[in-house]
Amino acid sequence: MKHRFLAIAGTAAVAALAVSSLASAETLLMKRVREERGMHAPHRGMSMAQVERQFGAPNAKLNPAGGDTPKHPVINRWEYPGYTVYFERNIVIDSVATHASPTELGPKHE
C-alpha cells in the first residue's frame, strides 16, 4: 500500500511539473508575440530601397526562392539583428522576429 501511494504521489509530481513547464513555455510565447507586434521593423508594402534607406544594410541577403512560374514569384529574405524581412519580388510582405532559442518555433537561420 505504501509503494502504491508513493507511485501515485510521484506521478502527480511529474504531472504538476509538466503542466508548470507548459505554462511557462506558453507565457514565453505570448510575451514574444507581444514583443514582435511592437518591434521596430520594416512593414508590408515598403520597397527594398526604402528598407535599406531606413534600416540600413542587412546582415545577410539570403538566396532567393521561387520565381519558377508566374504563380510563384521570387521571395527574397534579408536578415537583420532580431528579425528577418520577407519580400515578394522587391516589396515587403512580412517582418518576422527571429526565435530566441533552439527549442522555440520560428524562422531558422541558414
N, C-alpha and C. Protein backbone atom coordinates (compact mmCIF):
# COMPACT_ATOMS: atom_id res chain seq x y z
N MET A 1 0.83 -1.18 0.00
CA MET A 1 0.00 0.00 0.00
C MET A 1 0.88 1.26 0.00
N LYS A 2 1.97 1.21 0.79
CA LYS A 2 2.85 2.36 0.88
C LYS A 2 3.51 2.63 -0.49
N HIS A 3 3.89 1.57 -1.21
CA HIS A 3 4.53 1.72 -2.52
C HIS A 3 3.55 2.30 -3.54
N ARG A 4 2.30 1.87 -3.43
CA ARG A 4 1.28 2.40 -4.35
C ARG A 4 1.09 3.89 -4.12
N PHE A 5 1.05 4.32 -2.87
CA PHE A 5 0.91 5.74 -2.54
C PHE A 5 2.11 6.54 -3.09
N LEU A 6 3.30 6.00 -2.93
CA LEU A 6 4.49 6.69 -3.44
C LEU A 6 4.45 6.80 -4.97
N ALA A 7 3.99 5.75 -5.63
CA ALA A 7 3.89 5.77 -7.09
C ALA A 7 2.89 6.83 -7.54
N ILE A 8 1.75 6.90 -6.87
CA ILE A 8 0.73 7.90 -7.22
C ILE A 8 1.25 9.30 -6.95
N ALA A 9 1.91 9.49 -5.81
CA ALA A 9 2.46 10.80 -5.45
C ALA A 9 3.54 11.21 -6.45
N GLY A 10 4.38 10.27 -6.86
CA GLY A 10 5.43 10.56 -7.84
C GLY A 10 4.84 10.95 -9.19
N THR A 11 3.81 10.21 -9.62
CA THR A 11 3.15 10.52 -10.90
C THR A 11 2.51 11.90 -10.84
N ALA A 12 1.87 12.22 -9.73
CA ALA A 12 1.25 13.54 -9.57
C ALA A 12 2.30 14.64 -9.61
N ALA A 13 3.45 14.42 -9.01
CA ALA A 13 4.52 15.42 -9.01
C ALA A 13 5.05 15.65 -10.42
N VAL A 14 5.24 14.56 -11.17
CA VAL A 14 5.72 14.68 -12.55
C VAL A 14 4.70 15.42 -13.40
N ALA A 15 3.41 15.11 -13.23
CA ALA A 15 2.35 15.78 -13.99
C ALA A 15 2.31 17.26 -13.66
N ALA A 16 2.45 17.61 -12.40
CA ALA A 16 2.46 19.02 -12.00
C ALA A 16 3.64 19.76 -12.61
N LEU A 17 4.79 19.12 -12.65
CA LEU A 17 5.98 19.72 -13.24
C LEU A 17 5.77 19.93 -14.74
N ALA A 18 5.17 18.96 -15.42
CA ALA A 18 4.93 19.08 -16.86
C ALA A 18 3.96 20.22 -17.14
N VAL A 19 2.90 20.34 -16.36
CA VAL A 19 1.93 21.43 -16.55
C VAL A 19 2.61 22.77 -16.29
N SER A 20 3.45 22.83 -15.27
CA SER A 20 4.18 24.05 -14.96
C SER A 20 5.09 24.45 -16.12
N SER A 21 5.79 23.48 -16.72
CA SER A 21 6.68 23.76 -17.84
C SER A 21 5.89 24.26 -19.04
N LEU A 22 4.74 23.64 -19.30
CA LEU A 22 3.90 24.07 -20.41
C LEU A 22 3.42 25.49 -20.20
N ALA A 23 2.99 25.82 -19.01
CA ALA A 23 2.53 27.16 -18.72
C ALA A 23 3.65 28.17 -18.91
N SER A 24 4.85 27.80 -18.51
CA SER A 24 6.00 28.68 -18.67
C SER A 24 6.30 28.90 -20.14
N ALA A 25 6.28 27.84 -20.94
CA ALA A 25 6.55 27.97 -22.38
C ALA A 25 5.47 28.79 -23.05
N GLU A 26 4.22 28.60 -22.64
CA GLU A 26 3.12 29.36 -23.21
C GLU A 26 3.27 30.84 -22.89
N THR A 27 3.67 31.15 -21.67
CA THR A 27 3.88 32.54 -21.28
C THR A 27 4.99 33.16 -22.11
N LEU A 28 6.08 32.42 -22.33
CA LEU A 28 7.19 32.92 -23.14
C LEU A 28 6.70 33.23 -24.55
N LEU A 29 5.93 32.31 -25.15
CA LEU A 29 5.43 32.52 -26.49
C LEU A 29 4.51 33.74 -26.55
N MET A 30 3.62 33.87 -25.59
CA MET A 30 2.71 35.02 -25.57
C MET A 30 3.49 36.32 -25.44
N LYS A 31 4.51 36.32 -24.59
CA LYS A 31 5.33 37.52 -24.41
C LYS A 31 6.06 37.86 -25.71
N ARG A 32 6.58 36.84 -26.40
CA ARG A 32 7.30 37.08 -27.66
C ARG A 32 6.35 37.63 -28.73
N VAL A 33 5.10 37.15 -28.77
CA VAL A 33 4.15 37.66 -29.74
C VAL A 33 3.89 39.14 -29.49
N ARG A 34 3.72 39.52 -28.23
CA ARG A 34 3.52 40.94 -27.89
C ARG A 34 4.73 41.77 -28.29
N GLU A 35 5.93 41.25 -28.03
CA GLU A 35 7.15 41.98 -28.39
C GLU A 35 7.26 42.13 -29.90
N GLU A 36 6.90 41.07 -30.63
CA GLU A 36 7.01 41.10 -32.09
C GLU A 36 6.06 42.15 -32.67
N ARG A 37 4.87 42.25 -32.13
CA ARG A 37 3.91 43.24 -32.62
C ARG A 37 4.44 44.66 -32.46
N GLY A 38 5.20 44.90 -31.41
CA GLY A 38 5.71 46.23 -31.15
C GLY A 38 7.11 46.48 -31.69
N MET A 39 7.70 45.51 -32.38
CA MET A 39 9.08 45.67 -32.82
C MET A 39 9.18 46.69 -33.95
N HIS A 40 10.27 47.40 -33.96
CA HIS A 40 10.55 48.39 -34.99
C HIS A 40 11.22 47.65 -36.14
N ALA A 41 10.44 47.39 -37.19
CA ALA A 41 10.94 46.62 -38.33
C ALA A 41 10.20 47.10 -39.57
N PRO A 42 10.72 46.77 -40.75
CA PRO A 42 10.03 47.15 -41.98
C PRO A 42 8.59 46.61 -42.01
N HIS A 43 7.69 47.37 -42.61
CA HIS A 43 6.30 46.95 -42.66
C HIS A 43 5.88 46.64 -44.09
N ARG A 44 4.80 45.92 -44.21
CA ARG A 44 4.26 45.47 -45.50
C ARG A 44 4.12 46.67 -46.45
N GLY A 45 4.57 46.46 -47.69
CA GLY A 45 4.42 47.48 -48.72
C GLY A 45 5.66 48.31 -48.99
N MET A 46 6.64 48.27 -48.08
CA MET A 46 7.87 49.03 -48.30
C MET A 46 8.69 48.37 -49.41
N SER A 47 9.42 49.17 -50.16
CA SER A 47 10.31 48.62 -51.19
C SER A 47 11.66 48.27 -50.56
N MET A 48 12.45 47.50 -51.29
CA MET A 48 13.80 47.16 -50.81
C MET A 48 14.62 48.42 -50.58
N ALA A 49 14.49 49.38 -51.48
CA ALA A 49 15.25 50.63 -51.35
C ALA A 49 14.83 51.38 -50.09
N GLN A 50 13.53 51.44 -49.81
CA GLN A 50 13.06 52.10 -48.60
C GLN A 50 13.57 51.40 -47.35
N VAL A 51 13.54 50.07 -47.36
CA VAL A 51 14.01 49.30 -46.20
C VAL A 51 15.49 49.59 -45.96
N GLU A 52 16.28 49.53 -47.01
CA GLU A 52 17.72 49.75 -46.85
C GLU A 52 18.01 51.19 -46.41
N ARG A 53 17.24 52.13 -46.92
CA ARG A 53 17.44 53.53 -46.54
C ARG A 53 17.07 53.75 -45.07
N GLN A 54 15.97 53.16 -44.62
CA GLN A 54 15.50 53.39 -43.25
C GLN A 54 16.18 52.50 -42.21
N PHE A 55 16.51 51.26 -42.57
CA PHE A 55 17.03 50.31 -41.59
C PHE A 55 18.49 49.93 -41.82
N GLY A 56 19.08 50.42 -42.89
CA GLY A 56 20.47 50.11 -43.19
C GLY A 56 20.60 48.80 -43.94
N ALA A 57 21.84 48.47 -44.26
CA ALA A 57 22.11 47.22 -44.97
C ALA A 57 21.84 46.03 -44.06
N PRO A 58 21.27 44.95 -44.60
CA PRO A 58 21.03 43.76 -43.76
C PRO A 58 22.33 43.05 -43.43
N ASN A 59 22.28 42.22 -42.39
CA ASN A 59 23.44 41.38 -42.06
C ASN A 59 23.70 40.37 -43.17
N ALA A 60 22.61 39.88 -43.78
CA ALA A 60 22.73 38.89 -44.85
C ALA A 60 21.55 39.00 -45.79
N LYS A 61 21.82 38.81 -47.07
CA LYS A 61 20.77 38.69 -48.07
C LYS A 61 20.79 37.22 -48.50
N LEU A 62 19.76 36.48 -48.10
CA LEU A 62 19.71 35.05 -48.37
C LEU A 62 19.34 34.79 -49.82
N ASN A 63 19.66 33.60 -50.31
CA ASN A 63 19.34 33.23 -51.69
C ASN A 63 17.84 33.32 -51.92
N PRO A 64 17.44 33.88 -53.08
CA PRO A 64 16.00 33.97 -53.37
C PRO A 64 15.40 32.58 -53.58
N ALA A 65 14.10 32.50 -53.34
CA ALA A 65 13.36 31.25 -53.55
C ALA A 65 12.20 31.53 -54.49
N GLY A 66 11.72 30.50 -55.17
CA GLY A 66 10.58 30.66 -56.07
C GLY A 66 10.99 31.25 -57.40
N GLY A 67 10.03 31.89 -58.07
CA GLY A 67 10.30 32.50 -59.35
C GLY A 67 10.24 31.55 -60.51
N ASP A 68 9.84 30.29 -60.26
CA ASP A 68 9.82 29.30 -61.33
C ASP A 68 8.59 29.43 -62.24
N THR A 69 7.51 30.04 -61.73
CA THR A 69 6.32 30.29 -62.54
C THR A 69 5.72 31.63 -62.12
N PRO A 70 4.85 32.22 -62.95
CA PRO A 70 4.21 33.47 -62.55
C PRO A 70 3.41 33.35 -61.24
N LYS A 71 2.90 32.15 -60.95
CA LYS A 71 2.15 31.96 -59.70
C LYS A 71 3.06 31.83 -58.49
N HIS A 72 4.36 31.66 -58.73
CA HIS A 72 5.34 31.53 -57.65
C HIS A 72 6.39 32.63 -57.81
N PRO A 73 6.08 33.84 -57.34
CA PRO A 73 7.04 34.94 -57.52
C PRO A 73 8.30 34.73 -56.69
N VAL A 74 9.32 35.46 -57.04
CA VAL A 74 10.58 35.38 -56.30
C VAL A 74 10.36 35.93 -54.89
N ILE A 75 10.81 35.17 -53.90
CA ILE A 75 10.77 35.59 -52.49
C ILE A 75 12.20 35.82 -52.04
N ASN A 76 12.47 37.04 -51.60
CA ASN A 76 13.80 37.39 -51.08
C ASN A 76 13.71 37.53 -49.57
N ARG A 77 14.80 37.19 -48.88
CA ARG A 77 14.85 37.31 -47.42
C ARG A 77 16.11 38.05 -47.01
N TRP A 78 15.92 39.04 -46.17
CA TRP A 78 17.05 39.78 -45.62
C TRP A 78 17.05 39.58 -44.12
N GLU A 79 18.21 39.27 -43.56
CA GLU A 79 18.33 39.10 -42.11
C GLU A 79 18.91 40.35 -41.47
N TYR A 80 18.22 40.80 -40.44
CA TYR A 80 18.68 41.90 -39.58
C TYR A 80 18.79 41.33 -38.16
N PRO A 81 19.49 42.03 -37.27
CA PRO A 81 19.56 41.54 -35.89
C PRO A 81 18.15 41.48 -35.27
N GLY A 82 17.71 40.31 -34.93
CA GLY A 82 16.42 40.15 -34.25
C GLY A 82 15.23 39.86 -35.14
N TYR A 83 15.36 40.02 -36.46
CA TYR A 83 14.23 39.72 -37.33
C TYR A 83 14.70 39.46 -38.76
N THR A 84 13.79 38.85 -39.55
CA THR A 84 14.03 38.58 -40.96
C THR A 84 12.92 39.27 -41.75
N VAL A 85 13.29 39.92 -42.84
CA VAL A 85 12.32 40.61 -43.70
C VAL A 85 12.10 39.75 -44.94
N TYR A 86 10.84 39.51 -45.28
CA TYR A 86 10.47 38.73 -46.46
C TYR A 86 9.90 39.66 -47.52
N PHE A 87 10.42 39.53 -48.73
CA PHE A 87 9.97 40.36 -49.86
C PHE A 87 9.35 39.46 -50.93
N GLU A 88 8.28 39.92 -51.55
CA GLU A 88 7.79 39.31 -52.79
C GLU A 88 8.31 40.22 -53.89
N ARG A 89 9.18 39.68 -54.68
CA ARG A 89 9.97 40.44 -55.65
C ARG A 89 10.75 41.50 -54.87
N ASN A 90 10.34 42.76 -54.88
CA ASN A 90 11.10 43.78 -54.14
C ASN A 90 10.23 44.53 -53.13
N ILE A 91 9.07 43.96 -52.76
CA ILE A 91 8.15 44.61 -51.82
C ILE A 91 8.02 43.75 -50.55
N VAL A 92 8.10 44.41 -49.39
CA VAL A 92 7.98 43.69 -48.11
C VAL A 92 6.60 43.06 -47.99
N ILE A 93 6.59 41.77 -47.64
CA ILE A 93 5.32 41.10 -47.33
C ILE A 93 5.21 40.80 -45.83
N ASP A 94 6.37 40.73 -45.13
CA ASP A 94 6.32 40.49 -43.68
C ASP A 94 7.70 40.66 -43.07
N SER A 95 7.72 41.00 -41.79
CA SER A 95 8.94 41.01 -40.97
C SER A 95 8.65 40.11 -39.79
N VAL A 96 9.54 39.15 -39.54
CA VAL A 96 9.30 38.14 -38.51
C VAL A 96 10.46 38.13 -37.52
N ALA A 97 10.13 38.19 -36.23
CA ALA A 97 11.16 38.14 -35.19
C ALA A 97 11.89 36.80 -35.25
N THR A 98 13.19 36.84 -35.05
CA THR A 98 14.00 35.63 -35.00
C THR A 98 13.73 34.93 -33.68
N HIS A 99 13.66 33.58 -33.73
CA HIS A 99 13.37 32.85 -32.49
C HIS A 99 14.50 33.04 -31.48
N ALA A 100 14.12 32.97 -30.21
CA ALA A 100 15.06 33.25 -29.13
C ALA A 100 15.92 32.07 -28.73
N SER A 101 15.44 30.86 -28.97
CA SER A 101 16.20 29.68 -28.55
C SER A 101 15.99 28.56 -29.56
N PRO A 102 16.86 27.56 -29.55
CA PRO A 102 16.69 26.44 -30.50
C PRO A 102 15.38 25.67 -30.33
N THR A 103 14.78 25.73 -29.14
CA THR A 103 13.55 24.98 -28.92
C THR A 103 12.30 25.77 -29.26
N GLU A 104 12.43 27.08 -29.48
CA GLU A 104 11.27 27.89 -29.81
C GLU A 104 11.01 27.80 -31.31
N LEU A 105 9.75 27.65 -31.69
CA LEU A 105 9.41 27.57 -33.10
C LEU A 105 9.45 28.95 -33.72
N GLY A 106 9.95 29.05 -34.92
CA GLY A 106 10.04 30.31 -35.62
C GLY A 106 11.00 30.18 -36.78
N PRO A 107 11.29 31.27 -37.47
CA PRO A 107 12.21 31.16 -38.61
C PRO A 107 13.59 30.72 -38.17
N LYS A 108 14.20 29.89 -38.96
CA LYS A 108 15.53 29.38 -38.63
C LYS A 108 16.57 30.07 -39.51
N HIS A 109 17.72 30.32 -38.95
CA HIS A 109 18.82 30.88 -39.72
C HIS A 109 19.45 29.79 -40.56
N GLU A 110 19.95 30.14 -41.72
CA GLU A 110 20.61 29.15 -42.57
C GLU A 110 22.09 29.21 -42.35
